[in-house]
Amino acid sequence: MNHSYKVCVVAAGIGAHMGDITDTLNKALLPLSHKAVISHILEEFPPTVPVVVVVGYQKDTLMQYLKLAHPERTFEFVEVDKFSGPGSGPGHSLLAAKNNLQCPFLLTTIDTIVQEKPKAPNYNWVGVSPVEDTSRFCSFNIKDGAVAEIYDKVRTSNKYAFIGLAGIKDYAEFWESLEADQTLIGGEVQWSNGLEALVKKTLVVEPFTWHDTGTLESYQATCRALRSEFKNFDKKGEEIFFVGGRVVKYFQDSKIIADRVERNRILEGLVPKLVAHTPNFYAYERVEGRVLAAELTLSKFQRYLEWLSANLWSEKSLPAAEQEKFRAACLDLYKNNPAARLEKFYKKTRIHDGVDIINGVKTPPLAEMLQKVDWDSLAAGVPSRFHGDLQFDNVVVPASGKPEFVLLDWRHEFAGLKEHGDLYYDLGKLYYAVNMSHEAINRDLFSVQREGERVSIDFYSKYSISACKPLFEKFILSRGYSLNKVKLIHAIIHLNMSPLHHNPFDELLYYLGKLELYECLYQKV
């Protein structure tokens, strides 16, 4: 269908009111109900309408995302050089798109989500919603359903604020007024400078149910209103989105994407086939089915172990030079990497390594225990194909039953190696899965209490998960693997993960890892 208008999304700003969660990500890509904010906005408009996107801050990742997540849409990207500081602002950014918008257009900010479908720009209109304080917004004096006067970022008795959504029919007058008036309001050029010309004609007021994502507080409120869990951003630099039938994964580090693309080829048949990738994203078709965590039974877990043994865990024979590289990689991942991570943990939490009494067990300083680890034994791993994070939420049981399982979120490397890693690392990660429920952690069903050197930790465990632990331990022993070695790697994994997560989960991982390490070294479980 041909349309006589376009949609313009202004997404150039730095997100100055978002705290540090936009340090590495344009606020258009903040997660909301498993989608990026901009995907929610695009859903408000017909898919056949051309979309002009004004970009500036973190423009490359935003453009990559839109092309990958919304291949069905036609985008025109307009770049703005000045997207922060005096003289910038929504009006300045919008002017950059003037040549692309020589027709009626719908205009929206990147932080405006509405429940109602916006009307086509067959007349001039502005979207409004009631607010208690107009000082942060552009507000209107309304008479007979139209704007009589505009007040921008001043406290007034007006009840309705402009929500950053408008239909511009008389675009020539709008552009002329916006170009003629470059007055700074709040240090920025605002859209109201252009809307003034439309007031002289007729600028109809259209009410909307509005969800604002323009500040950290309003974004959190919108997450609650849309029943979306607010994400803790301690683990920055990665994100996952579900758009249409696609799963889109983002990493700030382009090397991780390149490595994961290569690993996707290595794990062909066990993981979803990628349909597209860019320097910072990859995408695959969503697998219809349920995650193993939702279908876990003893018989299903037994089948999962058999499937992993048949399809993933086959020991490789390496030439001497490759074997030495593999040994060095094991040592790096198990010994060197945790040492660096623990420094970050201590700096982040201001916890000092020392004697702790954890759940009644007196444990020496962690540094002292790490000196007792038999690193040569840990470095003597079993080379095989590996996944790297086999917890139950990373496994889909396809509705079709073919294949039996599909593995998601594969690790991009094993200490620099891609073709093979340590089978024991996969076992250690899976041992984590049979001990701790991600669902329970996400619901904060755990506790950490510290008083001096006494520490009490506890966490909820689902029966369906904990029931699998004896079966898994029996499997490990029946295959001739060392259960104590699996538990030792499991403890190191907890310590390694601790600085990557939010408080108090980071402390739970640290003290749990320390207690488990003590049990492995001193109690020989």
Protein backbone atom coordinates (compact mmCIF):
# COMPACT_ATOMS: atom_id res chain seq x y z
CA MET A 1 0.00 0.00 0.00
CA ASN A 2 1.33 3.43 -0.95
CA HIS A 3 1.05 6.16 1.67
CA SER A 4 1.12 9.89 1.10
CA TYR A 5 3.00 10.52 4.31
CA LYS A 6 6.04 9.38 6.28
CA VAL A 7 6.88 8.72 9.91
CA CYS A 8 9.79 10.52 11.57
CA VAL A 9 11.42 9.14 14.71
CA VAL A 10 13.90 11.50 16.37
CA ALA A 11 16.47 9.34 18.16
CA ALA A 12 19.63 11.44 18.19
CA GLY A 13 19.94 12.44 21.86
CA ILE A 14 22.34 11.08 24.47
CA GLY A 15 19.67 10.23 27.05
CA ALA A 16 20.94 12.77 29.57
CA HIS A 17 18.18 11.95 32.07
CA MET A 18 18.74 8.17 32.01
CA GLY A 19 21.64 7.91 34.45
CA ASP A 20 24.41 5.56 33.36
CA ILE A 21 22.22 2.98 31.62
CA THR A 22 22.72 4.78 28.30
CA ASP A 23 26.49 5.05 28.64
CA THR A 24 26.96 2.45 25.91
CA LEU A 25 23.50 2.22 24.35
CA ASN A 26 21.11 4.63 22.65
CA LYS A 27 17.96 4.89 24.76
CA ALA A 28 15.99 3.72 21.72
CA LEU A 29 17.46 0.27 22.41
CA LEU A 30 16.58 0.03 26.09
CA PRO A 31 14.68 -3.21 26.76
CA LEU A 32 10.96 -3.11 27.45
CA SER A 33 8.87 -6.30 27.56
CA HIS A 34 11.64 -8.17 25.69
CA LYS A 35 11.72 -5.60 22.87
CA ALA A 36 13.68 -2.43 22.29
CA VAL A 37 11.76 0.79 23.02
CA ILE A 38 11.96 1.78 19.35
CA SER A 39 10.32 -1.50 18.31
CA HIS A 40 7.32 -0.65 20.50
CA ILE A 41 7.14 2.76 18.81
CA LEU A 42 7.35 1.33 15.30
CA GLU A 43 4.46 -1.03 16.06
CA GLU A 44 2.22 2.04 16.37
CA PHE A 45 2.55 2.75 12.64
CA PRO A 46 1.63 0.78 9.49
CA PRO A 47 4.58 -1.35 8.31
CA THR A 48 4.40 0.01 4.76
CA VAL A 49 4.91 3.66 5.74
CA PRO A 50 8.49 4.87 5.14
CA VAL A 51 10.27 5.75 8.38
CA VAL A 52 12.79 8.58 8.65
CA VAL A 53 15.05 8.02 11.66
CA VAL A 54 17.17 10.92 12.90
CA VAL A 55 20.29 9.46 14.50
CA GLY A 56 23.28 10.84 16.37
CA TYR A 57 24.41 9.28 19.65
CA GLN A 58 25.40 5.60 19.21
CA LYS A 59 24.04 5.86 15.67
CA ASP A 60 25.81 2.80 14.24
CA THR A 61 24.29 0.31 16.68
CA LEU A 62 20.83 1.85 16.30
CA MET A 63 20.95 1.62 12.51
CA GLN A 64 22.27 -1.95 12.69
CA TYR A 65 19.43 -2.94 14.99
CA LEU A 66 16.68 -1.45 12.84
CA LYS A 67 17.93 -3.12 9.66
CA LEU A 68 18.30 -6.48 11.42
CA ALA A 69 15.18 -6.46 13.60
CA HIS A 70 12.79 -4.82 11.12
CA PRO A 71 13.76 -5.97 7.62
CA GLU A 72 10.16 -5.49 6.49
CA ARG A 73 10.35 -1.71 6.88
CA THR A 74 11.82 1.02 4.69
CA PHE A 75 14.15 3.30 6.63
CA GLU A 76 15.77 6.60 5.72
CA PHE A 77 18.55 7.52 8.14
CA VAL A 78 19.49 11.15 8.73
CA GLU A 79 22.63 11.82 10.76
CA VAL A 80 22.98 14.75 13.17
CA ASP A 81 26.45 15.90 14.20
CA LYS A 82 25.35 18.07 17.14
CA PHE A 83 23.24 15.95 19.48
CA SER A 84 24.26 17.33 22.89
CA GLY A 85 25.04 20.67 24.47
CA PRO A 86 23.63 24.18 23.87
CA GLY A 87 21.97 24.57 20.48
CA SER A 88 21.18 20.90 20.10
CA GLY A 89 17.79 19.44 20.94
CA PRO A 90 14.78 17.92 19.19
CA GLY A 91 14.17 20.96 16.99
CA HIS A 92 17.76 21.06 15.77
CA SER A 93 17.74 17.30 15.12
CA LEU A 94 14.43 17.45 13.26
CA LEU A 95 15.66 20.22 10.95
CA ALA A 96 18.32 17.84 9.65
CA ALA A 97 15.50 15.73 8.18
CA LYS A 98 13.75 18.60 6.38
CA ASN A 99 14.70 17.41 2.89
CA ASN A 100 13.42 13.91 3.70
CA LEU A 101 10.09 15.23 4.96
CA GLN A 102 8.68 17.30 2.13
CA CYS A 103 5.28 15.73 2.65
CA PRO A 104 2.83 15.32 5.54
CA PHE A 105 4.42 13.29 8.33
CA LEU A 106 3.88 11.77 11.74
CA LEU A 107 6.46 12.92 14.25
CA THR A 108 7.53 11.13 17.42
CA THR A 109 10.29 11.27 19.97
CA ILE A 110 12.14 8.09 20.89
CA ASP A 111 10.73 8.08 24.42
CA THR A 112 7.00 8.20 23.62
CA ILE A 113 4.94 5.00 23.70
CA VAL A 114 1.16 5.18 23.37
CA GLN A 115 -1.56 2.57 23.56
CA GLU A 116 -3.79 4.06 20.87
CA LYS A 117 -2.89 4.02 17.16
CA PRO A 118 -1.89 7.51 15.98
CA LYS A 119 -4.04 8.93 13.20
CA ALA A 120 -2.65 9.72 9.76
CA PRO A 121 -1.57 13.37 9.26
CA ASN A 122 -4.67 14.33 7.28
CA TYR A 123 -4.88 17.36 9.56
CA ASN A 124 -2.53 19.04 12.04
CA TRP A 125 -2.70 17.48 15.48
CA VAL A 126 -0.66 17.06 18.66
CA GLY A 127 -0.81 14.23 21.17
CA VAL A 128 -1.44 15.16 24.80
CA SER A 129 -1.74 13.45 28.14
CA PRO A 130 -2.51 14.80 31.63
CA VAL A 131 0.43 15.64 33.92
CA GLU A 132 0.69 17.07 37.43
CA ASP A 133 3.66 19.35 36.74
CA THR A 134 4.10 21.02 33.34
CA SER A 135 7.56 22.46 34.07
CA ARG A 136 9.32 19.54 32.34
CA PHE A 137 7.07 19.59 29.29
CA CYS A 138 5.58 21.65 26.54
CA SER A 139 1.95 22.33 27.51
CA PHE A 140 -1.06 23.90 25.83
CA ASN A 141 -3.89 26.25 26.58
CA ILE A 142 -6.73 24.37 24.89
CA LYS A 143 -9.92 25.90 23.51
CA ASP A 144 -12.61 23.97 21.64
CA GLY A 145 -10.36 20.95 21.19
CA ALA A 146 -7.50 22.90 19.61
CA VAL A 147 -4.31 24.58 20.83
CA ALA A 148 -4.75 28.26 21.63
CA GLU A 149 -1.34 28.94 23.22
CA ILE A 150 1.91 27.03 23.71
CA TYR A 151 3.97 27.10 26.91
CA ASP A 152 7.29 25.25 26.75
CA LYS A 153 8.93 23.99 29.95
CA VAL A 154 7.21 26.43 32.31
CA ARG A 155 4.90 25.72 35.23
CA THR A 156 1.31 26.56 34.29
CA SER A 157 -2.21 25.64 35.32
CA ASN A 158 -2.59 23.61 32.12
CA LYS A 159 -3.54 20.00 32.74
CA TYR A 160 -2.24 18.50 29.51
CA ALA A 161 1.31 18.16 28.21
CA PHE A 162 2.60 17.55 24.71
CA ILE A 163 3.84 13.96 24.65
CA GLY A 164 6.20 14.29 21.69
CA LEU A 165 3.80 12.85 19.11
CA ALA A 166 2.20 14.89 16.33
CA GLY A 167 0.66 14.79 12.88
CA ILE A 168 2.03 17.49 10.58
CA LYS A 169 -0.13 18.10 7.51
CA ASP A 170 1.01 21.65 6.70
CA TYR A 171 4.67 20.76 6.61
CA ALA A 172 5.82 23.82 4.62
CA GLU A 173 4.54 26.23 7.28
CA PHE A 174 5.97 24.03 10.02
CA TRP A 175 9.46 24.02 8.49
CA GLU A 176 9.40 27.75 7.81
CA SER A 177 8.50 28.52 11.42
CA LEU A 178 11.05 26.08 12.86
CA GLU A 179 13.86 27.50 10.72
CA ALA A 180 12.90 31.10 11.49
CA ASP A 181 12.80 30.66 15.27
CA GLN A 182 15.97 29.15 16.75
CA THR A 183 15.21 30.35 20.27
CA LEU A 184 16.71 28.07 22.89
CA ILE A 185 14.34 26.73 25.52
CA GLY A 186 16.15 24.90 28.29
CA GLY A 187 19.33 25.27 26.22
CA GLU A 188 17.81 23.42 23.25
CA VAL A 189 15.87 24.11 20.07
CA GLN A 190 12.37 22.70 20.60
CA TRP A 191 9.62 21.50 18.26
CA SER A 192 7.28 24.11 19.72
CA ASN A 193 9.08 26.69 17.57
CA GLY A 194 7.58 24.99 14.52
CA LEU A 195 4.22 24.16 16.07
CA GLU A 196 3.54 27.88 16.63
CA ALA A 197 2.80 28.28 12.91
CA LEU A 198 0.19 25.53 13.04
CA VAL A 199 -1.60 27.15 15.99
CA LYS A 200 -2.40 30.06 13.68
CA LYS A 201 -4.23 27.61 11.44
CA THR A 202 -5.79 24.78 13.46
CA LEU A 203 -3.79 22.43 15.67
CA VAL A 204 -6.15 19.77 17.00
CA VAL A 205 -5.52 18.13 20.37
CA GLU A 206 -5.58 14.31 20.43
CA PRO A 207 -5.51 12.58 23.86
CA PHE A 208 -3.40 9.44 24.32
CA THR A 209 -2.61 6.91 27.00
CA TRP A 210 1.07 7.75 27.31
CA HIS A 211 4.04 5.80 28.62
CA ASP A 212 7.13 7.98 28.95
CA THR A 213 10.65 6.50 28.79
CA GLY A 214 12.52 9.82 28.75
CA THR A 215 13.96 9.68 32.27
CA LEU A 216 15.23 6.82 34.39
CA GLU A 217 12.26 7.20 36.75
CA SER A 218 9.66 7.31 33.96
CA TYR A 219 11.33 4.40 32.17
CA GLN A 220 11.12 2.31 35.34
CA ALA A 221 7.47 3.35 35.77
CA THR A 222 6.73 2.31 32.18
CA CYS A 223 8.40 -1.05 32.80
CA ARG A 224 6.06 -1.57 35.75
CA ALA A 225 3.00 -0.38 33.83
CA LEU A 226 3.70 -2.75 30.94
CA ARG A 227 4.60 -5.56 33.36
CA SER A 228 8.14 -5.61 32.13
CA GLU A 229 10.87 -6.46 34.61
CA PHE A 230 13.26 -3.53 34.93
CA LYS A 231 16.65 -4.83 33.94
CA ASN A 232 19.59 -4.31 36.23
CA PHE A 233 22.37 -2.88 34.09
CA ASP A 234 25.39 -4.03 36.11
CA LYS A 235 26.17 -6.38 33.25
CA LYS A 236 26.48 -3.79 30.51
CA GLY A 237 27.35 -4.25 26.90
CA GLU A 238 24.88 -6.98 25.97
CA GLU A 239 21.16 -7.33 25.41
CA ILE A 240 18.60 -9.68 23.86
CA PHE A 241 15.42 -8.71 22.01
CA PHE A 242 12.46 -10.67 20.66
CA VAL A 243 11.04 -8.93 17.60
CA GLY A 244 8.42 -10.59 15.43
CA GLY A 245 9.71 -14.06 14.75
CA ARG A 246 13.34 -13.14 15.37
CA VAL A 247 15.68 -13.25 18.33
CA VAL A 248 18.20 -10.42 18.14
CA LYS A 249 21.32 -10.49 20.32
CA TYR A 250 23.45 -7.39 20.93
CA PHE A 251 27.03 -7.08 22.17
CA GLN A 252 28.92 -3.82 22.46
CA ASP A 253 32.13 -5.77 21.80
CA SER A 254 32.11 -6.58 18.08
CA LYS A 255 34.71 -9.33 18.59
CA ILE A 256 32.21 -11.30 20.66
CA ILE A 257 29.73 -11.11 17.78
CA ALA A 258 32.36 -12.25 15.28
CA ASP A 259 33.37 -15.13 17.55
CA ARG A 260 29.76 -16.16 18.18
CA VAL A 261 29.05 -16.17 14.47
CA GLU A 262 32.01 -18.49 13.97
CA ARG A 263 30.94 -20.66 16.90
CA ASN A 264 27.44 -20.85 15.42
CA ARG A 265 29.00 -22.55 12.41
CA ILE A 266 30.99 -24.93 14.62
CA LEU A 267 27.86 -25.89 16.57
CA GLU A 268 25.70 -26.27 13.46
CA GLY A 269 22.75 -28.56 14.08
CA LEU A 270 22.78 -27.92 17.84
CA VAL A 271 22.02 -24.18 17.82
CA PRO A 272 19.66 -22.03 15.71
CA LYS A 273 21.02 -21.05 12.31
CA LEU A 274 21.77 -17.35 12.05
CA VAL A 275 19.71 -15.44 9.49
CA ALA A 276 21.75 -12.23 9.65
CA HIS A 277 24.52 -10.52 11.57
CA THR A 278 26.21 -7.12 11.77
CA PRO A 279 29.26 -5.92 13.74
CA ASN A 280 27.21 -5.64 16.96
CA PHE A 281 24.18 -7.91 16.42
CA TYR A 282 23.18 -11.33 15.21
CA ALA A 283 19.69 -12.73 14.65
CA TYR A 284 18.04 -16.10 14.28
CA GLU A 285 14.48 -17.31 13.83
CA ARG A 286 12.76 -17.96 17.12
CA VAL A 287 12.42 -21.66 17.92
CA GLU A 288 8.83 -22.64 18.67
CA GLY A 289 8.77 -24.55 21.93
CA ARG A 290 9.47 -24.16 25.63
CA VAL A 291 12.70 -23.82 27.55
CA LEU A 292 13.84 -26.93 29.36
CA ALA A 293 13.43 -25.14 32.71
CA ALA A 294 9.66 -25.13 32.11
CA GLU A 295 9.50 -28.83 31.16
CA LEU A 296 12.10 -30.31 33.46
CA THR A 297 11.49 -33.84 34.74
CA LEU A 298 13.93 -36.58 35.68
CA SER A 299 13.23 -38.47 32.47
CA LYS A 300 13.61 -35.30 30.37
CA PHE A 301 16.88 -34.47 32.12
CA GLN A 302 18.14 -38.01 31.50
CA ARG A 303 17.36 -37.61 27.79
CA TYR A 304 19.12 -34.24 27.80
CA LEU A 305 22.30 -35.79 29.23
CA GLU A 306 22.19 -38.60 26.68
CA TRP A 307 21.66 -36.08 23.87
CA LEU A 308 24.60 -33.96 25.04
CA SER A 309 26.81 -37.04 25.24
CA ALA A 310 25.87 -38.12 21.72
CA ASN A 311 25.96 -34.72 20.02
CA LEU A 312 28.32 -32.44 21.95
CA TRP A 313 30.59 -34.17 24.43
CA SER A 314 32.89 -36.28 22.28
CA GLU A 315 36.51 -36.15 23.41
CA LYS A 316 38.98 -34.85 20.83
CA SER A 317 42.51 -36.09 20.31
CA LEU A 318 44.80 -33.08 19.85
CA PRO A 319 48.34 -32.87 18.46
CA ALA A 320 50.97 -32.09 21.08
CA ALA A 321 51.18 -28.39 20.22
CA GLU A 322 47.39 -27.99 20.30
CA GLN A 323 47.19 -29.96 23.54
CA GLU A 324 49.62 -27.51 25.15
CA LYS A 325 47.51 -24.56 23.94
CA PHE A 326 44.45 -26.26 25.37
CA ARG A 327 46.16 -26.79 28.72
CA ALA A 328 47.18 -23.11 28.82
CA ALA A 329 43.60 -22.09 27.99
CA CYS A 330 42.24 -24.18 30.88
CA LEU A 331 44.74 -22.60 33.26
CA ASP A 332 43.86 -19.13 32.01
CA LEU A 333 40.11 -19.63 32.41
CA TYR A 334 40.20 -21.38 35.77
CA LYS A 335 43.05 -19.52 37.48
CA ASN A 336 43.94 -16.22 35.81
CA ASN A 337 40.48 -15.02 34.84
CA PRO A 338 38.95 -15.43 38.34
CA ALA A 339 41.92 -13.60 39.88
CA ALA A 340 41.17 -10.54 37.72
CA ARG A 341 37.43 -10.83 38.31
CA LEU A 342 37.84 -11.03 42.09
CA GLU A 343 39.79 -7.77 42.09
CA LYS A 344 36.76 -6.16 40.43
CA PHE A 345 34.44 -7.74 42.99
CA TYR A 346 36.43 -6.43 45.97
CA LYS A 347 36.63 -2.96 44.45
CA LYS A 348 32.92 -2.94 43.62
CA THR A 349 31.61 -4.24 46.96
CA ARG A 350 34.40 -3.00 49.27
CA ILE A 351 34.44 -6.46 50.81
CA HIS A 352 37.89 -7.51 52.03
CA ASP A 353 39.21 -11.03 51.71
CA GLY A 354 39.55 -12.62 55.11
CA VAL A 355 38.23 -15.29 57.44
CA ASP A 356 34.46 -15.73 57.07
CA ILE A 357 32.05 -17.95 58.96
CA ILE A 358 29.61 -18.86 56.20
CA ASN A 359 26.48 -20.66 57.36
CA GLY A 360 28.40 -21.72 60.46
CA VAL A 361 31.47 -22.97 58.55
CA LYS A 362 34.72 -21.13 59.27
CA THR A 363 36.52 -20.53 55.97
CA PRO A 364 40.07 -19.18 55.54
CA PRO A 365 40.78 -16.16 53.31
CA LEU A 366 40.01 -16.93 49.68
CA ALA A 367 43.56 -16.13 48.57
CA GLU A 368 44.86 -18.77 50.99
CA MET A 369 42.43 -21.40 49.66
CA LEU A 370 43.25 -20.64 46.03
CA GLN A 371 46.90 -21.42 46.75
CA LYS A 372 45.85 -24.95 47.73
CA VAL A 373 44.07 -25.65 44.43
CA ASP A 374 45.77 -28.27 42.26
CA TRP A 375 45.91 -26.11 39.15
CA ASP A 376 47.79 -28.75 37.16
CA SER A 377 44.86 -31.10 37.67
CA LEU A 378 42.36 -28.46 36.55
CA ALA A 379 44.51 -27.64 33.52
CA ALA A 380 44.34 -31.30 32.48
CA GLY A 381 40.93 -30.88 30.89
CA VAL A 382 39.05 -32.98 28.36
CA PRO A 383 38.99 -31.30 24.93
CA SER A 384 35.63 -31.55 23.17
CA ARG A 385 33.05 -29.45 21.43
CA PHE A 386 31.49 -27.24 24.07
CA HIS A 387 28.57 -24.89 24.59
CA GLY A 388 29.72 -22.94 27.63
CA ASP A 389 26.44 -22.19 29.41
CA LEU A 390 24.13 -25.20 29.50
CA GLN A 391 21.71 -23.91 32.15
CA PHE A 392 18.09 -24.87 31.55
CA ASP A 393 16.90 -21.48 30.29
CA ASN A 394 19.40 -21.79 27.43
CA VAL A 395 17.82 -24.97 26.08
CA VAL A 396 14.63 -25.10 24.02
CA VAL A 397 12.52 -28.22 23.67
CA PRO A 398 11.01 -27.69 20.18
CA ALA A 399 7.24 -28.16 19.92
CA SER A 400 7.80 -30.29 16.82
CA GLY A 401 10.11 -32.67 18.67
CA LYS A 402 12.72 -32.30 15.94
CA PRO A 403 15.44 -31.81 16.89
CA GLU A 404 15.01 -33.02 20.43
CA PHE A 405 16.82 -30.00 21.93
CA VAL A 406 18.15 -26.67 20.64
CA LEU A 407 20.91 -24.85 22.53
CA LEU A 408 20.84 -21.06 22.88
CA ASP A 409 23.28 -18.37 24.02
CA TRP A 410 26.44 -20.34 23.29
CA ARG A 411 29.73 -19.07 24.70
CA HIS A 412 31.86 -17.24 22.13
CA GLU A 413 35.16 -18.84 23.14
CA PHE A 414 37.01 -20.94 25.68
CA ALA A 415 39.91 -18.69 26.70
CA GLY A 416 40.53 -17.85 23.05
CA LEU A 417 39.74 -21.31 21.64
CA LYS A 418 36.65 -21.83 19.49
CA GLU A 419 36.79 -25.31 17.96
CA HIS A 420 37.03 -27.02 21.34
CA GLY A 421 36.92 -26.32 25.06
CA ASP A 422 36.99 -28.27 28.30
CA LEU A 423 34.17 -30.76 28.72
CA TYR A 424 34.57 -30.22 32.48
CA TYR A 425 33.59 -26.57 32.04
CA ASP A 426 30.27 -27.62 30.51
CA LEU A 427 29.80 -30.09 33.37
CA GLY A 428 30.55 -27.34 35.89
CA LYS A 429 28.03 -24.99 34.28
CA LEU A 430 25.40 -27.71 34.22
CA TYR A 431 26.13 -28.45 37.88
CA TYR A 432 25.31 -24.80 38.52
CA ALA A 433 21.97 -25.36 36.76
CA VAL A 434 20.97 -28.28 39.01
CA ASN A 435 21.79 -26.26 42.13
CA MET A 436 20.29 -22.85 41.46
CA SER A 437 17.05 -21.69 39.82
CA HIS A 438 17.35 -18.61 37.59
CA GLU A 439 13.63 -18.03 38.02
CA ALA A 440 14.04 -17.88 41.80
CA ILE A 441 17.02 -15.53 41.55
CA ASN A 442 15.11 -13.22 39.19
CA ARG A 443 12.33 -13.11 41.78
CA ASP A 444 14.86 -12.25 44.52
CA LEU A 445 14.15 -15.49 46.38
CA PHE A 446 17.52 -15.49 48.11
CA SER A 447 19.17 -13.77 51.05
CA VAL A 448 22.62 -12.61 52.14
CA GLN A 449 23.21 -11.35 55.67
CA ARG A 450 26.57 -10.15 56.96
CA GLU A 451 27.53 -9.24 60.51
CA GLY A 452 31.25 -8.98 61.04
CA GLU A 453 32.85 -12.21 59.89
CA ARG A 454 29.56 -14.11 60.11
CA VAL A 455 27.72 -14.58 56.84
CA SER A 456 24.38 -16.27 56.28
CA ILE A 457 23.30 -17.16 52.74
CA ASP A 458 20.25 -18.97 51.47
CA PHE A 459 18.31 -19.35 48.24
CA TYR A 460 15.14 -21.01 47.04
CA SER A 461 15.53 -24.16 44.96
CA LYS A 462 12.78 -25.67 42.83
CA TYR A 463 12.14 -29.35 43.47
CA SER A 464 12.17 -30.15 39.74
CA ILE A 465 15.72 -28.79 39.59
CA SER A 466 17.18 -30.12 42.84
CA ALA A 467 15.77 -33.59 42.06
CA CYS A 468 18.08 -33.71 39.03
CA LYS A 469 21.24 -33.22 41.09
CA PRO A 470 21.67 -36.86 42.27
CA LEU A 471 20.99 -38.09 38.73
CA PHE A 472 23.62 -35.74 37.33
CA GLU A 473 26.21 -36.76 39.93
CA LYS A 474 25.55 -40.41 39.09
CA PHE A 475 25.99 -39.59 35.39
CA ILE A 476 29.33 -37.85 36.05
CA LEU A 477 30.71 -40.81 37.99
CA SER A 478 29.36 -43.39 35.53
CA ARG A 479 31.27 -41.69 32.69
CA GLY A 480 34.53 -41.83 34.64
CA TYR A 481 34.73 -38.11 35.36
CA SER A 482 35.83 -36.62 38.69
CA LEU A 483 32.86 -35.29 40.66
CA ASN A 484 35.16 -33.31 42.95
CA LYS A 485 36.74 -31.64 39.93
CA VAL A 486 33.29 -30.70 38.60
CA LYS A 487 32.41 -29.22 41.99
CA LEU A 488 35.70 -27.34 42.13
CA ILE A 489 35.09 -25.78 38.71
CA HIS A 490 31.52 -25.07 39.80
CA ALA A 491 32.85 -23.12 42.81
CA ILE A 492 35.26 -21.18 40.59
CA ILE A 493 32.40 -20.37 38.21
CA HIS A 494 30.46 -18.81 41.10
CA LEU A 495 33.45 -16.69 42.07
CA ASN A 496 34.04 -15.75 38.44
CA MET A 497 30.43 -14.64 37.97
CA SER A 498 30.21 -12.58 41.16
CA PRO A 499 31.41 -9.17 39.90
CA LEU A 500 29.17 -9.34 36.82
CA HIS A 501 25.88 -9.19 38.70
CA HIS A 502 23.86 -6.83 40.84
CA ASN A 503 23.93 -6.59 44.60
CA PRO A 504 23.17 -8.66 46.64
CA PHE A 505 23.28 -11.47 44.06
CA ASP A 506 26.98 -10.74 43.55
CA GLU A 507 27.59 -11.39 47.26
CA LEU A 508 25.54 -14.60 47.18
CA LEU A 509 27.71 -15.91 44.33
CA TYR A 510 30.91 -14.89 46.09
CA TYR A 511 30.15 -16.44 49.47
CA LEU A 512 28.57 -19.52 47.92
CA GLY A 513 31.65 -20.00 45.74
CA LYS A 514 33.93 -19.54 48.72
CA LEU A 515 32.00 -22.07 50.81
CA GLU A 516 31.96 -24.59 47.95
CA LEU A 517 35.69 -24.13 47.40
CA TYR A 518 36.31 -24.83 51.09
CA GLU A 519 34.24 -28.02 50.90
CA CYS A 520 36.17 -29.21 47.83
CA LEU A 521 39.58 -28.53 49.37
CA TYR A 522 39.07 -29.44 53.00
CA GLN A 523 36.11 -31.79 53.17
CA LYS A 524 36.75 -33.72 49.93
CA VAL A 525 33.08 -34.07 49.03
